[in-house]
PDB file of N, CA and C in Angstrom:
ATOM      1  N   UNK A   1      95.135  -4.941 121.806  1.00  0.00           N
ATOM      2  CA  UNK A   1      93.895  -5.382 122.397  1.00  0.00           C
ATOM      3  C   UNK A   1      93.823  -5.033 123.883  1.00  0.00           C
ATOM      4  N   UNK A   2      94.896  -5.347 124.588  1.00  0.00           N
ATOM      5  CA  UNK A   2      94.894  -5.060 126.017  1.00  0.00           C
ATOM      6  C   UNK A   2      94.766  -3.561 126.259  1.00  0.00           C
ATOM      7  N   UNK A   3      95.384  -2.780 125.376  1.00  0.00           N
ATOM      8  CA  UNK A   3      95.317  -1.328 125.526  1.00  0.00           C
ATOM      9  C   UNK A   3      93.879  -0.841 125.364  1.00  0.00           C
ATOM     10  N   UNK A   4      93.171  -1.368 124.360  1.00  0.00           N
ATOM     11  CA  UNK A   4      91.770  -0.987 124.153  1.00  0.00           C
ATOM     12  C   UNK A   4      90.927  -1.378 125.346  1.00  0.00           C
ATOM     13  N   UNK A   5      91.170  -2.579 125.863  1.00  0.00           N
ATOM     14  CA  UNK A   5      90.412  -3.050 127.017  1.00  0.00           C
ATOM     15  C   UNK A   5      90.669  -2.159 128.222  1.00  0.00           C
ATOM     16  N   UNK A   6      91.923  -1.798 128.451  1.00  0.00           N
ATOM     17  CA  UNK A   6      92.247  -0.955 129.596  1.00  0.00           C
ATOM     18  C   UNK A   6      91.601   0.422 129.480  1.00  0.00           C
ATOM     19  N   UNK A   7      91.564   0.974 128.274  1.00  0.00           N
ATOM     20  CA  UNK A   7      90.919   2.267 128.069  1.00  0.00           C
ATOM     21  C   UNK A   7      89.428   2.151 128.351  1.00  0.00           C
ATOM     22  N   UNK A   8      88.810   1.116 127.812  1.00  0.00           N
ATOM     23  CA  UNK A   8      87.377   0.919 128.022  1.00  0.00           C
ATOM     24  C   UNK A   8      87.069   0.644 129.491  1.00  0.00           C
ATOM     25  N   UNK A   9      87.875  -0.177 130.112  1.00  0.00           N
ATOM     26  CA  UNK A   9      87.662  -0.497 131.524  1.00  0.00           C
ATOM     27  C   UNK A   9      87.855   0.752 132.382  1.00  0.00           C
ATOM     28  N   UNK A  10      88.847   1.565 132.066  1.00  0.00           N
ATOM     29  CA  UNK A  10      89.076   2.812 132.799  1.00  0.00           C
ATOM     30  C   UNK A  10      87.889   3.758 132.639  1.00  0.00           C
ATOM     31  N   UNK A  11      87.329   3.770 131.452  1.00  0.00           N
ATOM     32  CA  UNK A  11      86.152   4.595 131.207  1.00  0.00           C
ATOM     33  C   UNK A  11      84.991   4.136 132.085  1.00  0.00           C
ATOM     34  N   UNK A  12      84.795   2.828 132.157  1.00  0.00           N
ATOM     35  CA  UNK A  12      83.725   2.287 133.009  1.00  0.00           C
ATOM     36  C   UNK A  12      83.973   2.618 134.473  1.00  0.00           C
ATOM     37  N   UNK A  13      85.223   2.526 134.899  1.00  0.00           N
ATOM     38  CA  UNK A  13      85.566   2.862 136.275  1.00  0.00           C
ATOM     39  C   UNK A  13      85.312   4.344 136.551  1.00  0.00           C
ATOM     40  N   UNK A  14      85.631   5.202 135.584  1.00  0.00           N
ATOM     41  CA  UNK A  14      85.396   6.630 135.784  1.00  0.00           C
ATOM     42  C   UNK A  14      83.908   6.920 135.912  1.00  0.00           C
ATOM     43  N   UNK A  15      83.074   6.182 135.184  1.00  0.00           N
ATOM     44  CA  UNK A  15      81.632   6.327 135.356  1.00  0.00           C
ATOM     45  C   UNK A  15      81.242   5.975 136.773  1.00  0.00           C
ATOM     46  N   UNK A  16      81.812   4.908 137.319  1.00  0.00           N
ATOM     47  CA  UNK A  16      81.444   4.481 138.655  1.00  0.00           C
ATOM     48  C   UNK A  16      81.943   5.462 139.713  1.00  0.00           C
ATOM     49  N   UNK A  17      83.033   6.169 139.451  1.00  0.00           N
ATOM     50  CA  UNK A  17      83.533   7.154 140.400  1.00  0.00           C
ATOM     51  C   UNK A  17      82.574   8.331 140.484  1.00  0.00           C
ATOM     52  N   UNK A  18      82.062   8.769 139.336  1.00  0.00           N
ATOM     53  CA  UNK A  18      81.164   9.916 139.330  1.00  0.00           C
ATOM     54  C   UNK A  18      79.756   9.560 139.780  1.00  0.00           C
ATOM     55  N   UNK A  19      79.338   8.344 139.547  1.00  0.00           N
ATOM     56  CA  UNK A  19      77.985   7.952 139.928  1.00  0.00           C
ATOM     57  C   UNK A  19      77.995   6.485 140.358  1.00  0.00           C
ATOM     58  N   UNK A  20      78.424   6.261 141.569  1.00  0.00           N
ATOM     59  CA  UNK A  20      78.588   4.894 142.043  1.00  0.00           C
ATOM     60  C   UNK A  20      77.278   4.119 142.060  1.00  0.00           C
ATOM     61  N   UNK A  21      76.176   4.770 142.195  1.00  0.00           N
ATOM     62  CA  UNK A  21      74.886   4.103 142.227  1.00  0.00           C
ATOM     63  C   UNK A  21      74.408   3.702 140.838  1.00  0.00           C
ATOM     64  N   UNK A  22      75.043   4.210 139.795  1.00  0.00           N
ATOM     65  CA  UNK A  22      74.557   4.016 138.439  1.00  0.00           C
ATOM     66  C   UNK A  22      75.389   3.054 137.594  1.00  0.00           C
ATOM     67  N   UNK A  23      76.259   2.282 138.219  1.00  0.00           N
ATOM     68  CA  UNK A  23      77.035   1.318 137.446  1.00  0.00           C
ATOM     69  C   UNK A  23      77.437   0.126 138.314  1.00  0.00           C
ATOM     70  N   UNK A  24      77.597  -1.001 137.653  1.00  0.00           N
ATOM     71  CA  UNK A  24      77.939  -2.252 138.328  1.00  0.00           C
ATOM     72  C   UNK A  24      78.977  -2.973 137.475  1.00  0.00           C
ATOM     73  N   UNK A  25      79.970  -3.566 138.105  1.00  0.00           N
ATOM     74  CA  UNK A  25      80.943  -4.408 137.419  1.00  0.00           C
ATOM     75  C   UNK A  25      80.916  -5.777 138.091  1.00  0.00           C
ATOM     76  N   UNK A  26      80.679  -6.812 137.303  1.00  0.00           N
ATOM     77  CA  UNK A  26      80.669  -8.185 137.803  1.00  0.00           C
ATOM     78  C   UNK A  26      81.750  -8.982 137.096  1.00  0.00           C
ATOM     79  N   UNK A  27      82.401  -9.864 137.829  1.00  0.00           N
ATOM     80  CA  UNK A  27      83.390 -10.776 137.265  1.00  0.00           C
ATOM     81  C   UNK A  27      82.749 -12.160 137.235  1.00  0.00           C
ATOM     82  N   UNK A  28      82.744 -12.787 136.057  1.00  0.00           N
ATOM     83  CA  UNK A  28      82.011 -14.034 135.859  1.00  0.00           C
ATOM     84  C   UNK A  28      82.936 -15.142 135.378  1.00  0.00           C
ATOM     85  N   UNK A  29      82.597 -16.391 135.766  1.00  0.00           N
ATOM     86  CA  UNK A  29      83.343 -17.538 135.241  1.00  0.00           C
ATOM     87  C   UNK A  29      82.693 -17.994 133.935  1.00  0.00           C
ATOM     88  N   UNK A  30      83.132 -19.118 133.405  1.00  0.00           N
ATOM     89  CA  UNK A  30      82.610 -19.560 132.101  1.00  0.00           C
ATOM     90  C   UNK A  30      81.163 -20.028 132.161  1.00  0.00           C
ATOM     91  N   UNK A  31      80.638 -20.219 133.387  1.00  0.00           N
ATOM     92  CA  UNK A  31      79.226 -20.578 133.564  1.00  0.00           C
ATOM     93  C   UNK A  31      78.392 -19.357 133.955  1.00  0.00           C
ATOM     94  N   UNK A  32      78.984 -18.171 133.870  1.00  0.00           N
ATOM     95  CA  UNK A  32      78.338 -16.898 134.168  1.00  0.00           C
ATOM     96  C   UNK A  32      77.952 -16.756 135.638  1.00  0.00           C
ATOM     97  N   UNK A  33      78.701 -17.379 136.515  1.00  0.00           N
ATOM     98  CA  UNK A  33      78.514 -17.216 137.955  1.00  0.00           C
ATOM     99  C   UNK A  33      79.539 -16.209 138.447  1.00  0.00           C
ATOM    100  N   UNK A  34      79.151 -15.391 139.441  1.00  0.00           N
ATOM    101  CA  UNK A  34      80.057 -14.376 139.968  1.00  0.00           C
ATOM    102  C   UNK A  34      81.239 -15.040 140.671  1.00  0.00           C
ATOM    103  N   UNK A  35      82.434 -14.526 140.382  1.00  0.00           N
ATOM    104  CA  UNK A  35      83.672 -15.015 140.992  1.00  0.00           C
ATOM    105  C   UNK A  35      84.567 -13.825 141.319  1.00  0.00           C
ATOM    106  N   UNK A  36      85.708 -14.109 141.936  1.00  0.00           N
ATOM    107  CA  UNK A  36      86.689 -13.068 142.206  1.00  0.00           C
ATOM    108  C   UNK A  36      87.315 -12.613 140.888  1.00  0.00           C
ATOM    109  N   UNK A  37      87.834 -11.399 140.907  1.00  0.00           N
ATOM    110  CA  UNK A  37      88.423 -10.795 139.712  1.00  0.00           C
ATOM    111  C   UNK A  37      89.499 -11.687 139.085  1.00  0.00           C
ATOM    112  N   UNK A  38      90.317 -12.315 139.918  1.00  0.00           N
ATOM    113  CA  UNK A  38      91.423 -13.130 139.428  1.00  0.00           C
ATOM    114  C   UNK A  38      90.949 -14.397 138.717  1.00  0.00           C
ATOM    115  N   UNK A  39      89.738 -14.859 139.005  1.00  0.00           N
ATOM    116  CA  UNK A  39      89.213 -16.098 138.431  1.00  0.00           C
ATOM    117  C   UNK A  39      88.282 -15.857 137.251  1.00  0.00           C
ATOM    118  N   UNK A  40      88.088 -14.619 136.865  1.00  0.00           N
ATOM    119  CA  UNK A  40      87.074 -14.270 135.866  1.00  0.00           C
ATOM    120  C   UNK A  40      87.455 -14.688 134.452  1.00  0.00           C
ATOM    121  N   UNK A  41      86.455 -15.212 133.741  1.00  0.00           N
ATOM    122  CA  UNK A  41      86.563 -15.473 132.313  1.00  0.00           C
ATOM    123  C   UNK A  41      85.940 -14.309 131.543  1.00  0.00           C
ATOM    124  N   UNK A  42      84.887 -13.727 132.124  1.00  0.00           N
ATOM    125  CA  UNK A  42      84.175 -12.609 131.512  1.00  0.00           C
ATOM    126  C   UNK A  42      84.065 -11.468 132.509  1.00  0.00           C
ATOM    127  N   UNK A  43      83.936 -10.250 131.967  1.00  0.00           N
ATOM    128  CA  UNK A  43      83.679  -9.070 132.784  1.00  0.00           C
ATOM    129  C   UNK A  43      82.385  -8.455 132.281  1.00  0.00           C
ATOM    130  N   UNK A  44      81.464  -8.240 133.199  1.00  0.00           N
ATOM    131  CA  UNK A  44      80.168  -7.666 132.858  1.00  0.00           C
ATOM    132  C   UNK A  44      80.086  -6.269 133.458  1.00  0.00           C
ATOM    133  N   UNK A  45      79.737  -5.289 132.630  1.00  0.00           N
ATOM    134  CA  UNK A  45      79.494  -3.943 133.133  1.00  0.00           C
ATOM    135  C   UNK A  45      78.038  -3.584 132.862  1.00  0.00           C
ATOM    136  N   UNK A  46      77.437  -2.940 133.831  1.00  0.00           N
ATOM    137  CA  UNK A  46      76.060  -2.460 133.696  1.00  0.00           C
ATOM    138  C   UNK A  46      76.079  -0.994 134.094  1.00  0.00           C
ATOM    139  N   UNK A  47      75.703  -0.125 133.158  1.00  0.00           N
ATOM    140  CA  UNK A  47      75.785   1.321 133.369  1.00  0.00           C
ATOM    141  C   UNK A  47      74.434   1.937 133.067  1.00  0.00           C
ATOM    142  N   UNK A  48      73.989   2.816 133.959  1.00  0.00           N
ATOM    143  CA  UNK A  48      72.728   3.526 133.735  1.00  0.00           C
ATOM    144  C   UNK A  48      72.992   4.734 132.851  1.00  0.00           C
ATOM    145  N   UNK A  49      72.217   4.830 131.754  1.00  0.00           N
ATOM    146  CA  UNK A  49      72.315   5.944 130.824  1.00  0.00           C
ATOM    147  C   UNK A  49      70.937   6.577 130.739  1.00  0.00           C
ATOM    148  N   UNK A  50      70.771   7.689 131.426  1.00  0.00           N
ATOM    149  CA  UNK A  50      69.466   8.348 131.573  1.00  0.00           C
ATOM    150  C   UNK A  50      68.501   7.361 132.222  1.00  0.00           C
ATOM    151  N   UNK A  51      67.468   6.914 131.523  1.00  0.00           N
ATOM    152  CA  UNK A  51      66.509   5.998 132.138  1.00  0.00           C
ATOM    153  C   UNK A  51      66.744   4.543 131.733  1.00  0.00           C
ATOM    154  N   UNK A  52      67.739   4.282 130.876  1.00  0.00           N
ATOM    155  CA  UNK A  52      68.031   2.920 130.419  1.00  0.00           C
ATOM    156  C   UNK A  52      69.291   2.378 131.073  1.00  0.00           C
ATOM    157  N   UNK A  53      69.354   1.057 131.192  1.00  0.00           N
ATOM    158  CA  UNK A  53      70.554   0.384 131.676  1.00  0.00           C
ATOM    159  C   UNK A  53      71.220  -0.310 130.499  1.00  0.00           C
ATOM    160  N   UNK A  54      72.512  -0.091 130.329  1.00  0.00           N
ATOM    161  CA  UNK A  54      73.278  -0.691 129.248  1.00  0.00           C
ATOM    162  C   UNK A  54      74.194  -1.757 129.847  1.00  0.00           C
ATOM    163  N   UNK A  55      73.997  -2.999 129.432  1.00  0.00           N
ATOM    164  CA  UNK A  55      74.825  -4.096 129.910  1.00  0.00           C
ATOM    165  C   UNK A  55      75.769  -4.558 128.819  1.00  0.00           C
ATOM    166  N   UNK A  56      77.026  -4.745 129.178  1.00  0.00           N
ATOM    167  CA  UNK A  56      78.031  -5.199 128.231  1.00  0.00           C
ATOM    168  C   UNK A  56      78.812  -6.342 128.857  1.00  0.00           C
ATOM    169  N   UNK A  57      78.999  -7.398 128.094  1.00  0.00           N
ATOM    170  CA  UNK A  57      79.768  -8.549 128.549  1.00  0.00           C
ATOM    171  C   UNK A  57      81.030  -8.636 127.701  1.00  0.00           C
ATOM    172  N   UNK A  58      82.177  -8.669 128.361  1.00  0.00           N
ATOM    173  CA  UNK A  58      83.469  -8.701 127.683  1.00  0.00           C
ATOM    174  C   UNK A  58      84.165 -10.036 127.922  1.00  0.00           C
ATOM    175  N   UNK A  59      84.893 -10.496 126.921  1.00  0.00           N
ATOM    176  CA  UNK A  59      85.812 -11.615 127.108  1.00  0.00           C
ATOM    177  C   UNK A  59      86.970 -11.105 127.966  1.00  0.00           C
ATOM    178  N   UNK A  60      87.747 -12.011 128.512  1.00  0.00           N
ATOM    179  CA  UNK A  60      88.907 -11.617 129.305  1.00  0.00           C
ATOM    180  C   UNK A  60      89.915 -10.795 128.531  1.00  0.00           C
ATOM    181  N   UNK A  61      89.951 -10.943 127.200  1.00  0.00           N
ATOM    182  CA  UNK A  61      90.906 -10.189 126.380  1.00  0.00           C
ATOM    183  C   UNK A  61      90.380  -8.805 125.985  1.00  0.00           C
ATOM    184  N   UNK A  62      89.174  -8.446 126.419  1.00  0.00           N
ATOM    185  CA  UNK A  62      88.637  -7.112 126.157  1.00  0.00           C
ATOM    186  C   UNK A  62      87.673  -7.013 124.996  1.00  0.00           C
ATOM    187  N   UNK A  63      87.507  -8.081 124.221  1.00  0.00           N
ATOM    188  CA  UNK A  63      86.557  -8.038 123.110  1.00  0.00           C
ATOM    189  C   UNK A  63      85.137  -8.148 123.655  1.00  0.00           C
ATOM    190  N   UNK A  64      84.236  -7.400 123.037  1.00  0.00           N
ATOM    191  CA  UNK A  64      82.831  -7.432 123.445  1.00  0.00           C
ATOM    192  C   UNK A  64      82.212  -8.754 123.007  1.00  0.00           C
ATOM    193  N   UNK A  65      81.558  -9.422 123.936  1.00  0.00           N
ATOM    194  CA  UNK A  65      80.857 -10.656 123.624  1.00  0.00           C
ATOM    195  C   UNK A  65      79.361 -10.374 123.413  1.00  0.00           C
ATOM    196  N   UNK A  66      78.775  -9.493 124.236  1.00  0.00           N
ATOM    197  CA  UNK A  66      77.353  -9.243 124.189  1.00  0.00           C
ATOM    198  C   UNK A  66      77.065  -7.824 124.663  1.00  0.00           C
ATOM    199  N   UNK A  67      76.160  -7.146 123.973  1.00  0.00           N
ATOM    200  CA  UNK A  67      75.752  -5.795 124.321  1.00  0.00           C
ATOM    201  C   UNK A  67      74.237  -5.789 124.444  1.00  0.00           C
ATOM    202  N   UNK A  68      73.708  -5.358 125.594  1.00  0.00           N
ATOM    203  CA  UNK A  68      72.250  -5.370 125.803  1.00  0.00           C
ATOM    204  C   UNK A  68      71.774  -4.028 126.336  1.00  0.00           C
ATOM    205  N   UNK A  69      70.501  -3.787 126.153  1.00  0.00           N
ATOM    206  CA  UNK A  69      69.869  -2.575 126.699  1.00  0.00           C
ATOM    207  C   UNK A  69      68.785  -3.014 127.650  1.00  0.00           C
TER     208      UNK A  69
END
């Protein structure tokens, strides 16, 4: 599980390296408020894909909790 999460997270980071304006990573607590990385319960990624924004919310263990467009 951790390996899958690290691969996916690395992929998201690589997107942000190539297009920093087109992706966002937020660390959220259990009430969905932004917190420091070390305190996060969830990780939210928002990536621009052409004209759409794809938002994904992950549990701390790397499993997808919610996928939105």
